[in-house]
């Protein structure tokens, strides 16, 4: 019994790459910087929501606020991809520092493909919105909306969110405060930035604007659960590419639906 419990404990605690095996140049300073930026990003979400609400700039006449230029281009790609990437590279890091276990081999490619398909499958229930709305567009317009709806989530969600929250933030919190604290705090901060825009703009499955309870149920809890799952995966396996692929897959169908002008 004691041996079995020991093995279970070892399995739970096992990490493919312990945090001290990762290349982190200035742990304390970087932790302060990235936590501060994560808090700032929550405030930026509120500003973004206000801009979208009062000065909307919908891309291709899209229906959802996530396809608005303020949200997609400035808030997500600008503040969550370009700025953090510039900081990351300026510190002397390389992209390979985020890929400590990556090897170009068959099973690695399969894990990415399966993760993408798993993410995509979560929103298959909304695909009927696409089939119903597609008839209202020309072939060329439909191809453009599909193309942007497929590519944009990779650069406004899949890459930046996993890069910043799992790859940078969680890792540094783990080094300073331990694994459990890092996973929970990262998931909480990851959830917090989703809430201001939804409180100001959401309707339907993500909650109702102005009703914090519905936003918490429709957005907050699901995002927190996803954050925990992704955080546990990163903590254990240090494989960020499957997480990016899964995140990308999750967002593709809702993004295409939005670009087809469907409100749900």
Protein backbone atom coordinates (compact mmCIF):
# COMPACT_ATOMS: atom_id res chain seq x y z
CA UNK A 1 0.00 0.00 0.00
CA UNK A 2 2.81 2.40 0.91
CA UNK A 3 4.63 1.63 -2.34
CA UNK A 4 1.44 2.18 -4.36
CA UNK A 5 0.80 5.55 -2.69
CA UNK A 6 4.41 6.54 -3.31
CA UNK A 7 4.09 5.70 -6.99
CA UNK A 8 0.84 7.64 -7.27
CA UNK A 9 2.48 10.62 -5.56
CA UNK A 10 5.45 10.44 -7.90
CA UNK A 11 3.16 10.26 -10.93
CA UNK A 12 1.22 13.34 -9.77
CA UNK A 13 4.39 15.33 -9.11
CA UNK A 14 6.21 14.26 -12.27
CA UNK A 15 7.17 16.95 -14.77
CA UNK A 16 8.81 16.36 -18.12
CA UNK A 17 10.93 19.45 -17.53
CA UNK A 18 11.10 20.88 -13.97
CA UNK A 19 10.83 24.65 -13.89
CA UNK A 20 14.47 25.02 -12.88
CA UNK A 21 15.40 23.24 -16.07
CA UNK A 22 13.92 26.09 -18.11
CA UNK A 23 15.95 29.10 -19.20
CA UNK A 24 14.76 32.04 -17.10
CA UNK A 25 17.27 34.86 -16.90
CA UNK A 26 15.96 37.22 -14.19
CA UNK A 27 13.22 35.36 -12.27
CA UNK A 28 12.21 37.96 -9.67
CA UNK A 29 12.31 40.97 -11.97
CA UNK A 30 10.51 39.18 -14.78
CA UNK A 31 7.83 37.88 -12.41
CA UNK A 32 7.05 41.44 -11.30
CA UNK A 33 6.96 42.64 -14.91
CA UNK A 34 4.69 39.90 -16.26
CA UNK A 35 2.28 39.94 -13.30
CA UNK A 36 2.01 43.73 -13.59
CA UNK A 37 1.35 43.40 -17.30
CA UNK A 38 -1.33 40.76 -16.68
CA UNK A 39 -3.09 43.14 -14.28
CA UNK A 40 -2.71 46.00 -16.77
CA UNK A 41 -4.25 43.76 -19.43
CA UNK A 42 -7.41 43.39 -17.34
CA UNK A 43 -7.68 47.19 -17.25
CA UNK A 44 -6.95 47.35 -20.98
CA UNK A 45 -9.85 44.95 -21.54
CA UNK A 46 -12.20 47.46 -19.95
CA UNK A 47 -10.89 50.27 -22.15
CA UNK A 48 -11.16 48.06 -25.21
CA UNK A 49 -14.75 47.15 -24.34
CA UNK A 50 -15.63 50.83 -23.99
CA UNK A 51 -14.07 51.65 -27.37
CA UNK A 52 -15.91 48.80 -29.09
CA UNK A 53 -19.18 49.84 -27.47
CA UNK A 54 -18.95 53.52 -28.35
CA UNK A 55 -16.75 53.55 -31.47
CA UNK A 56 -17.20 50.15 -33.11
CA UNK A 57 -14.94 49.18 -35.99
CA UNK A 58 -16.27 45.77 -37.12
CA UNK A 59 -14.02 43.92 -39.52
CA UNK A 60 -15.95 42.97 -42.70
CA UNK A 61 -19.16 44.06 -41.00
CA UNK A 62 -18.89 41.23 -38.49
CA UNK A 63 -21.45 40.69 -35.76
CA UNK A 64 -19.33 39.94 -32.72
CA UNK A 65 -17.09 42.25 -30.72
CA UNK A 66 -14.22 39.77 -30.99
CA UNK A 67 -14.09 40.58 -34.71
CA UNK A 68 -13.91 44.31 -34.05
CA UNK A 69 -10.63 46.03 -34.99
CA UNK A 70 -10.23 47.48 -31.47
CA UNK A 71 -10.45 44.02 -29.95
CA UNK A 72 -8.79 41.80 -32.56
CA UNK A 73 -6.00 44.05 -33.82
CA UNK A 74 -5.18 46.45 -30.97
CA UNK A 75 -6.14 44.61 -27.80
CA UNK A 76 -5.27 41.03 -28.77
CA UNK A 77 -2.61 41.13 -31.50
CA UNK A 78 -1.08 44.44 -30.45
CA UNK A 79 -1.09 44.19 -26.66
CA UNK A 80 -0.97 40.41 -26.21
CA UNK A 81 1.30 39.38 -29.06
CA UNK A 82 3.44 42.20 -30.41
CA UNK A 83 4.29 43.95 -27.12
CA UNK A 84 5.04 40.78 -25.08
CA UNK A 85 7.01 39.24 -27.99
CA UNK A 86 9.10 42.38 -28.31
CA UNK A 87 9.79 42.34 -24.55
CA UNK A 88 10.58 38.61 -24.61
CA UNK A 89 13.11 38.93 -27.43
CA UNK A 90 14.61 42.08 -25.95
CA UNK A 91 15.40 40.19 -22.73
CA UNK A 92 17.59 37.86 -24.75
CA UNK A 93 15.20 34.92 -25.09
CA UNK A 94 14.65 32.75 -28.15
CA UNK A 95 11.50 31.03 -29.38
CA UNK A 96 13.17 27.71 -28.60
CA UNK A 97 13.11 28.64 -24.90
CA UNK A 98 9.36 27.98 -25.04
CA UNK A 99 9.87 24.58 -26.68
CA UNK A 100 11.99 22.62 -24.19
CA UNK A 101 10.55 19.24 -25.20
CA UNK A 102 9.84 19.81 -28.88
CA UNK A 103 11.26 17.42 -31.44
CA UNK A 104 10.09 17.25 -35.02
CA UNK A 105 8.85 13.69 -35.05
CA UNK A 106 5.69 11.82 -35.95
CA UNK A 107 4.10 11.70 -32.50
CA UNK A 108 4.76 15.41 -31.92
CA UNK A 109 2.96 16.31 -35.13
CA UNK A 110 0.12 13.92 -34.27
CA UNK A 111 -0.28 15.50 -30.82
CA UNK A 112 -0.63 18.93 -32.41
CA UNK A 113 -3.18 17.71 -34.97
CA UNK A 114 -5.22 15.85 -32.35
CA UNK A 115 -5.15 18.86 -30.01
CA UNK A 116 -6.40 21.08 -32.81
CA UNK A 117 -9.21 18.66 -33.67
CA UNK A 118 -10.16 18.33 -30.00
CA UNK A 119 -10.43 22.11 -29.69
CA UNK A 120 -12.39 22.36 -32.93
CA UNK A 121 -14.83 19.68 -31.79
CA UNK A 122 -15.92 21.73 -28.77
CA UNK A 123 -17.83 24.14 -31.00
CA UNK A 124 -19.19 21.77 -33.64
CA UNK A 125 -22.64 22.43 -32.20
CA UNK A 126 -22.46 25.92 -33.70
CA UNK A 127 -21.59 24.84 -37.23
CA UNK A 128 -25.23 25.06 -38.29
CA UNK A 129 -24.93 28.85 -37.97
CA UNK A 130 -22.31 28.71 -40.72
CA UNK A 131 -24.35 26.52 -43.06
CA UNK A 132 -27.44 28.68 -42.57
CA UNK A 133 -25.63 31.98 -43.17
CA UNK A 134 -23.28 30.94 -45.98
CA UNK A 135 -25.93 31.24 -48.68
CA UNK A 136 -26.09 35.00 -48.25
CA UNK A 137 -22.54 35.60 -49.52
CA UNK A 138 -20.80 35.34 -52.85
CA UNK A 139 -18.17 32.65 -53.27
CA UNK A 140 -15.31 35.15 -53.19
CA UNK A 141 -16.69 36.91 -50.09
CA UNK A 142 -17.27 33.58 -48.38
CA UNK A 143 -13.71 32.44 -49.07
CA UNK A 144 -12.34 35.71 -47.64
CA UNK A 145 -14.45 35.46 -44.49
CA UNK A 146 -13.58 31.81 -43.99
CA UNK A 147 -9.88 32.50 -44.58
CA UNK A 148 -9.72 35.35 -42.09
CA UNK A 149 -11.91 33.45 -39.65
CA UNK A 150 -9.48 30.53 -39.73
CA UNK A 151 -6.19 32.44 -39.62
CA UNK A 152 -7.05 35.29 -37.25
CA UNK A 153 -7.73 33.12 -34.15
CA UNK A 154 -4.23 31.72 -34.36
CA UNK A 155 -2.65 35.16 -34.02
CA UNK A 156 -5.17 36.79 -31.70
CA UNK A 157 -5.83 33.84 -29.38
CA UNK A 158 -3.87 30.62 -29.88
CA UNK A 159 -0.34 32.01 -29.99
CA UNK A 160 -0.55 35.10 -27.76
CA UNK A 161 -2.65 33.66 -24.94
CA UNK A 162 -0.57 30.50 -24.56
CA UNK A 163 2.70 32.38 -25.08
CA UNK A 164 1.96 34.99 -22.41
CA UNK A 165 -0.09 33.11 -19.83
CA UNK A 166 1.37 29.62 -19.90
CA UNK A 167 4.78 30.12 -21.49
CA UNK A 168 5.83 33.27 -19.63
CA UNK A 169 3.55 34.06 -16.68
CA UNK A 170 2.88 30.60 -15.24
CA UNK A 171 6.50 29.53 -15.59
CA UNK A 172 7.84 32.49 -13.64
CA UNK A 173 5.17 32.25 -10.96
CA UNK A 174 6.01 28.57 -10.58
CA UNK A 175 9.69 29.31 -10.09
CA UNK A 176 8.93 31.90 -7.42
CA UNK A 177 5.90 30.46 -5.62
CA UNK A 178 5.40 26.83 -6.61
CA UNK A 179 3.30 24.84 -9.02
CA UNK A 180 -0.17 25.03 -7.44
CA UNK A 181 0.01 28.77 -6.85
CA UNK A 182 1.24 29.30 -10.41
CA UNK A 183 -1.53 27.24 -12.03
CA UNK A 184 -4.33 28.83 -9.98
CA UNK A 185 -3.07 32.41 -10.25
CA UNK A 186 -2.46 32.14 -13.98
CA UNK A 187 -5.93 30.67 -14.54
CA UNK A 188 -7.44 33.48 -12.44
CA UNK A 189 -5.60 36.26 -14.30
CA UNK A 190 -6.42 34.54 -17.60
CA UNK A 191 -10.10 34.58 -16.63
CA UNK A 192 -10.10 38.15 -15.35
CA UNK A 193 -9.19 39.79 -18.64
CA UNK A 194 -12.12 38.06 -20.36
CA UNK A 195 -14.70 39.60 -18.03
CA UNK A 196 -14.68 43.39 -18.70
CA UNK A 197 -15.39 43.09 -22.43
CA UNK A 198 -18.13 40.55 -21.81
CA UNK A 199 -19.69 42.67 -19.09
CA UNK A 200 -19.85 45.59 -21.51
CA UNK A 201 -20.64 43.76 -24.74
CA UNK A 202 -21.70 40.12 -24.34
CA UNK A 203 -24.99 38.60 -25.32
CA UNK A 204 -26.02 34.99 -25.69
CA UNK A 205 -23.83 32.12 -24.54
CA UNK A 206 -21.15 34.34 -22.98
CA UNK A 207 -23.62 36.19 -20.80
CA UNK A 208 -25.63 39.41 -20.99
CA UNK A 209 -24.01 42.84 -20.96
CA UNK A 210 -24.51 44.54 -17.60
CA UNK A 211 -25.37 41.29 -15.83
CA UNK A 212 -22.18 40.21 -14.07
CA UNK A 213 -23.73 36.97 -12.79
CA UNK A 214 -24.55 35.79 -16.30
CA UNK A 215 -21.08 36.81 -17.54
CA UNK A 216 -19.48 34.92 -14.67
CA UNK A 217 -21.48 31.81 -15.52
CA UNK A 218 -21.24 32.08 -19.29
CA UNK A 219 -17.63 33.25 -19.55
CA UNK A 220 -15.84 33.28 -16.21
CA UNK A 221 -16.32 29.70 -15.05
CA UNK A 222 -15.76 28.04 -18.46
CA UNK A 223 -12.62 30.12 -19.10
CA UNK A 224 -11.27 29.36 -15.63
CA UNK A 225 -11.77 25.63 -16.17
CA UNK A 226 -10.01 25.79 -19.54
CA UNK A 227 -7.23 27.82 -17.93
CA UNK A 228 -6.76 25.14 -15.27
CA UNK A 229 -6.66 22.34 -17.84
CA UNK A 230 -4.16 24.17 -20.04
CA UNK A 231 -2.13 25.17 -16.99
CA UNK A 232 -1.94 21.59 -15.72
CA UNK A 233 -0.89 20.40 -19.16
CA UNK A 234 1.86 23.01 -19.44
CA UNK A 235 3.02 22.28 -15.88
CA UNK A 236 3.32 18.57 -16.58
CA UNK A 237 4.44 18.27 -20.19
CA UNK A 238 5.96 21.66 -21.16
CA UNK A 239 4.48 21.30 -24.65
CA UNK A 240 3.11 24.64 -25.75
CA UNK A 241 2.41 23.82 -29.41
CA UNK A 242 -0.47 21.40 -28.67
CA UNK A 243 -1.97 24.05 -26.37
CA UNK A 244 -1.73 26.66 -29.12
CA UNK A 245 -3.33 24.22 -31.56
CA UNK A 246 -6.18 23.37 -29.17
CA UNK A 247 -6.81 27.04 -28.40
CA UNK A 248 -6.79 27.87 -32.10
CA UNK A 249 -9.26 25.07 -32.81
CA UNK A 250 -11.64 26.24 -30.08
CA UNK A 251 -11.92 29.73 -31.54
CA UNK A 252 -12.20 29.03 -35.27
CA UNK A 253 -15.92 28.21 -35.60
CA UNK A 254 -17.12 31.12 -33.38
CA UNK A 255 -14.85 33.46 -35.35
CA UNK A 256 -16.22 32.33 -38.72
CA UNK A 257 -19.76 32.60 -37.37
CA UNK A 258 -19.03 36.18 -36.33
CA UNK A 259 -17.58 37.07 -39.73
CA UNK A 260 -20.76 35.76 -41.36
CA UNK A 261 -22.75 38.29 -39.34
CA UNK A 262 -24.50 35.80 -37.08
CA UNK A 263 -25.45 36.86 -33.56
CA UNK A 264 -25.99 34.02 -31.09
